[in-house]
N, C-alpha and C. Protein backbone atom coordinates (compact mmCIF):
# COMPACT_ATOMS: atom_id res chain seq x y z
N MET A 1 -4.21 3.29 -2.51
CA MET A 1 -3.75 1.93 -2.51
C MET A 1 -4.19 1.28 -3.81
N TYR A 2 -3.23 0.73 -4.53
CA TYR A 2 -3.54 -0.08 -5.71
C TYR A 2 -3.77 -1.50 -5.22
N ARG A 3 -4.82 -2.12 -5.74
CA ARG A 3 -5.18 -3.45 -5.26
C ARG A 3 -5.99 -4.20 -6.30
N THR A 4 -6.31 -5.44 -5.99
CA THR A 4 -7.25 -6.23 -6.78
C THR A 4 -8.33 -6.76 -5.84
N ARG A 5 -9.43 -7.15 -6.43
CA ARG A 5 -10.50 -7.74 -5.64
C ARG A 5 -10.11 -9.16 -5.25
N GLY A 6 -10.42 -9.54 -4.06
CA GLY A 6 -10.16 -10.90 -3.61
C GLY A 6 -8.75 -11.17 -3.15
N CYS A 7 -7.86 -10.19 -3.23
CA CYS A 7 -6.47 -10.35 -2.77
C CYS A 7 -6.46 -10.27 -1.25
N PRO A 8 -6.04 -11.35 -0.57
CA PRO A 8 -6.07 -11.33 0.90
C PRO A 8 -5.13 -10.29 1.51
N TYR A 9 -4.01 -10.01 0.87
CA TYR A 9 -3.10 -8.99 1.39
C TYR A 9 -3.69 -7.59 1.20
N CYS A 10 -4.44 -7.40 0.13
CA CYS A 10 -5.12 -6.13 -0.09
C CYS A 10 -6.18 -5.91 0.99
N VAL A 11 -6.93 -6.95 1.28
CA VAL A 11 -7.96 -6.87 2.33
C VAL A 11 -7.30 -6.57 3.67
N ALA A 12 -6.18 -7.23 3.97
CA ALA A 12 -5.48 -7.00 5.23
C ALA A 12 -4.96 -5.56 5.31
N ALA A 13 -4.42 -5.04 4.22
CA ALA A 13 -3.94 -3.65 4.21
C ALA A 13 -5.11 -2.69 4.43
N GLU A 14 -6.22 -2.95 3.77
CA GLU A 14 -7.41 -2.12 3.94
C GLU A 14 -7.86 -2.14 5.40
N GLN A 15 -7.91 -3.31 6.00
CA GLN A 15 -8.35 -3.43 7.39
C GLN A 15 -7.40 -2.70 8.33
N LEU A 16 -6.10 -2.81 8.10
CA LEU A 16 -5.13 -2.13 8.95
C LEU A 16 -5.32 -0.61 8.86
N LEU A 17 -5.43 -0.09 7.64
CA LEU A 17 -5.61 1.35 7.46
C LEU A 17 -6.91 1.83 8.09
N ARG A 18 -7.98 1.08 7.91
CA ARG A 18 -9.26 1.46 8.51
C ARG A 18 -9.18 1.42 10.04
N ALA A 19 -8.52 0.40 10.59
CA ALA A 19 -8.39 0.28 12.04
C ALA A 19 -7.61 1.45 12.63
N ARG A 20 -6.71 2.02 11.86
CA ARG A 20 -5.92 3.16 12.32
C ARG A 20 -6.58 4.50 11.98
N GLY A 21 -7.75 4.44 11.35
CA GLY A 21 -8.48 5.66 11.01
C GLY A 21 -7.86 6.46 9.89
N VAL A 22 -7.14 5.78 9.01
CA VAL A 22 -6.45 6.45 7.91
C VAL A 22 -7.38 6.54 6.71
N PRO A 23 -7.66 7.76 6.23
CA PRO A 23 -8.45 7.87 5.01
C PRO A 23 -7.59 7.48 3.81
N PHE A 24 -8.17 6.76 2.86
CA PHE A 24 -7.40 6.34 1.70
C PHE A 24 -8.32 6.06 0.53
N ASP A 25 -7.76 6.13 -0.65
CA ASP A 25 -8.47 5.76 -1.87
C ASP A 25 -7.96 4.41 -2.32
N GLN A 26 -8.82 3.69 -3.04
CA GLN A 26 -8.44 2.39 -3.58
C GLN A 26 -8.61 2.42 -5.09
N VAL A 27 -7.60 1.95 -5.79
CA VAL A 27 -7.64 1.85 -7.24
C VAL A 27 -7.52 0.36 -7.56
N TYR A 28 -8.56 -0.16 -8.21
CA TYR A 28 -8.59 -1.59 -8.53
C TYR A 28 -7.89 -1.84 -9.87
N LEU A 29 -6.99 -2.79 -9.87
CA LEU A 29 -6.21 -3.11 -11.07
C LEU A 29 -6.60 -4.45 -11.68
N ASP A 30 -7.76 -4.97 -11.33
CA ASP A 30 -8.17 -6.30 -11.82
C ASP A 30 -8.12 -6.41 -13.34
N ASP A 31 -8.52 -5.37 -14.03
CA ASP A 31 -8.59 -5.43 -15.49
C ASP A 31 -7.41 -4.75 -16.18
N HIS A 32 -6.41 -4.36 -15.42
CA HIS A 32 -5.25 -3.70 -16.01
C HIS A 32 -4.49 -4.73 -16.86
N PRO A 33 -4.12 -4.38 -18.09
CA PRO A 33 -3.46 -5.35 -18.97
C PRO A 33 -2.06 -5.77 -18.50
N ASP A 34 -1.37 -4.91 -17.74
CA ASP A 34 -0.03 -5.25 -17.25
C ASP A 34 0.11 -4.77 -15.81
N ARG A 35 -0.64 -5.40 -14.94
CA ARG A 35 -0.69 -5.00 -13.53
C ARG A 35 0.70 -5.04 -12.90
N ARG A 36 1.45 -6.09 -13.15
CA ARG A 36 2.79 -6.22 -12.55
C ARG A 36 3.73 -5.13 -13.06
N GLY A 37 3.69 -4.87 -14.33
CA GLY A 37 4.52 -3.81 -14.91
C GLY A 37 4.14 -2.45 -14.36
N PHE A 38 2.84 -2.24 -14.16
CA PHE A 38 2.36 -0.97 -13.64
C PHE A 38 2.86 -0.73 -12.23
N THR A 39 2.69 -1.70 -11.33
CA THR A 39 3.14 -1.51 -9.95
C THR A 39 4.66 -1.38 -9.89
N SER A 40 5.35 -2.14 -10.71
CA SER A 40 6.81 -2.06 -10.73
C SER A 40 7.29 -0.71 -11.27
N SER A 41 6.51 -0.07 -12.13
CA SER A 41 6.90 1.24 -12.64
C SER A 41 6.79 2.30 -11.55
N ILE A 42 5.96 2.07 -10.56
CA ILE A 42 5.82 3.01 -9.44
C ILE A 42 6.87 2.74 -8.38
N LEU A 43 7.08 1.48 -8.06
CA LEU A 43 8.08 1.08 -7.07
C LEU A 43 8.88 -0.07 -7.68
N PRO A 44 10.04 0.24 -8.26
CA PRO A 44 10.82 -0.80 -8.94
C PRO A 44 11.01 -2.04 -8.06
N GLY A 45 10.75 -3.19 -8.67
CA GLY A 45 10.88 -4.46 -7.97
C GLY A 45 9.61 -4.91 -7.26
N HIS A 46 8.65 -4.02 -7.15
CA HIS A 46 7.39 -4.38 -6.48
C HIS A 46 6.35 -4.69 -7.55
N ASP A 47 6.15 -5.96 -7.81
CA ASP A 47 5.23 -6.33 -8.90
C ASP A 47 3.99 -7.04 -8.40
N THR A 48 3.61 -6.74 -7.17
CA THR A 48 2.41 -7.35 -6.59
C THR A 48 1.50 -6.26 -6.04
N VAL A 49 0.32 -6.67 -5.62
CA VAL A 49 -0.60 -5.79 -4.92
C VAL A 49 -0.80 -6.34 -3.53
N PRO A 50 -1.11 -5.50 -2.57
CA PRO A 50 -1.35 -4.09 -2.70
C PRO A 50 -0.06 -3.30 -2.86
N LEU A 51 -0.21 -2.11 -3.37
CA LEU A 51 0.87 -1.13 -3.40
C LEU A 51 0.31 0.11 -2.73
N VAL A 52 0.85 0.44 -1.57
CA VAL A 52 0.35 1.55 -0.77
C VAL A 52 1.25 2.76 -1.01
N LEU A 53 0.61 3.89 -1.31
CA LEU A 53 1.32 5.14 -1.52
C LEU A 53 0.83 6.18 -0.52
N VAL A 54 1.75 7.04 -0.12
CA VAL A 54 1.41 8.22 0.67
C VAL A 54 1.84 9.39 -0.20
N GLY A 55 0.86 10.08 -0.74
CA GLY A 55 1.18 11.11 -1.72
C GLY A 55 1.84 10.46 -2.92
N ASP A 56 3.00 10.93 -3.27
CA ASP A 56 3.76 10.36 -4.39
C ASP A 56 4.76 9.31 -3.94
N ARG A 57 4.84 9.04 -2.65
CA ARG A 57 5.84 8.12 -2.11
C ARG A 57 5.24 6.73 -1.90
N ALA A 58 5.85 5.74 -2.51
CA ALA A 58 5.39 4.35 -2.38
C ALA A 58 5.96 3.74 -1.11
N LEU A 59 5.08 3.17 -0.28
CA LEU A 59 5.52 2.49 0.93
C LEU A 59 5.82 1.03 0.68
N GLY A 60 5.14 0.43 -0.26
CA GLY A 60 5.27 -1.00 -0.53
C GLY A 60 3.94 -1.68 -0.34
N GLY A 61 4.00 -2.94 0.05
CA GLY A 61 2.79 -3.73 0.20
C GLY A 61 2.37 -3.89 1.64
N TYR A 62 1.57 -4.91 1.88
CA TYR A 62 1.05 -5.14 3.22
C TYR A 62 2.15 -5.41 4.22
N ASP A 63 3.15 -6.21 3.85
CA ASP A 63 4.22 -6.53 4.79
C ASP A 63 4.94 -5.26 5.27
N GLU A 64 5.21 -4.34 4.36
CA GLU A 64 5.87 -3.10 4.73
C GLU A 64 4.97 -2.23 5.60
N LEU A 65 3.70 -2.18 5.25
CA LEU A 65 2.73 -1.41 6.03
C LEU A 65 2.62 -1.97 7.44
N ARG A 66 2.52 -3.27 7.56
CA ARG A 66 2.42 -3.93 8.87
C ARG A 66 3.68 -3.71 9.69
N ALA A 67 4.86 -3.78 9.05
CA ALA A 67 6.12 -3.56 9.76
C ALA A 67 6.19 -2.14 10.32
N LEU A 68 5.79 -1.15 9.52
CA LEU A 68 5.78 0.23 10.01
C LEU A 68 4.84 0.37 11.20
N ASP A 69 3.69 -0.28 11.13
CA ASP A 69 2.74 -0.23 12.21
C ASP A 69 3.30 -0.88 13.47
N ARG A 70 3.90 -2.03 13.34
CA ARG A 70 4.47 -2.74 14.49
C ARG A 70 5.61 -1.96 15.14
N GLU A 71 6.37 -1.23 14.30
CA GLU A 71 7.49 -0.42 14.80
C GLU A 71 7.01 0.89 15.42
N GLY A 72 5.72 1.18 15.31
CA GLY A 72 5.18 2.42 15.83
C GLY A 72 5.50 3.63 14.98
N ARG A 73 5.87 3.39 13.72
CA ARG A 73 6.27 4.48 12.82
C ARG A 73 5.23 4.83 11.78
N LEU A 74 4.16 4.06 11.68
CA LEU A 74 3.19 4.26 10.60
C LEU A 74 2.59 5.66 10.62
N GLU A 75 2.15 6.13 11.76
CA GLU A 75 1.53 7.45 11.82
C GLU A 75 2.49 8.55 11.37
N ALA A 76 3.74 8.48 11.81
CA ALA A 76 4.73 9.49 11.41
C ALA A 76 5.00 9.44 9.91
N VAL A 77 5.06 8.24 9.35
CA VAL A 77 5.27 8.09 7.91
C VAL A 77 4.08 8.67 7.15
N LEU A 78 2.89 8.41 7.62
CA LEU A 78 1.69 8.93 6.97
C LEU A 78 1.62 10.45 7.02
N ARG A 79 2.19 11.04 8.08
CA ARG A 79 2.23 12.50 8.19
C ARG A 79 3.41 13.10 7.42
N GLY A 80 4.28 12.25 6.87
CA GLY A 80 5.45 12.73 6.14
C GLY A 80 6.60 13.12 7.04
N GLU A 81 6.57 12.69 8.29
CA GLU A 81 7.60 13.04 9.26
C GLU A 81 8.69 11.99 9.40
N ASP A 82 8.55 10.87 8.71
CA ASP A 82 9.50 9.76 8.82
C ASP A 82 9.59 9.10 7.46
N GLU A 83 10.76 8.61 7.14
CA GLU A 83 10.93 7.88 5.89
C GLU A 83 10.58 6.42 6.11
N PRO A 84 9.93 5.80 5.13
CA PRO A 84 9.59 4.38 5.29
C PRO A 84 10.81 3.48 5.31
């Protein structure tokens, strides 16, 4: 997960993943010179944090992560059995 410190959506994404027992790494972009350009280069049109990836596949931000969880699809997506 790409994130910044103090970002409430990043904290919410972290809490959701931890609550589901999902292991994940966090990459902090606080000092990145072009944070928006960087995230958009991974997922075109997504220029905010957090940016959650599963392997090489970008899921999006907290809203997308929460929607997958509410739909009951998050675990399957994390296992690579469902498309986001």
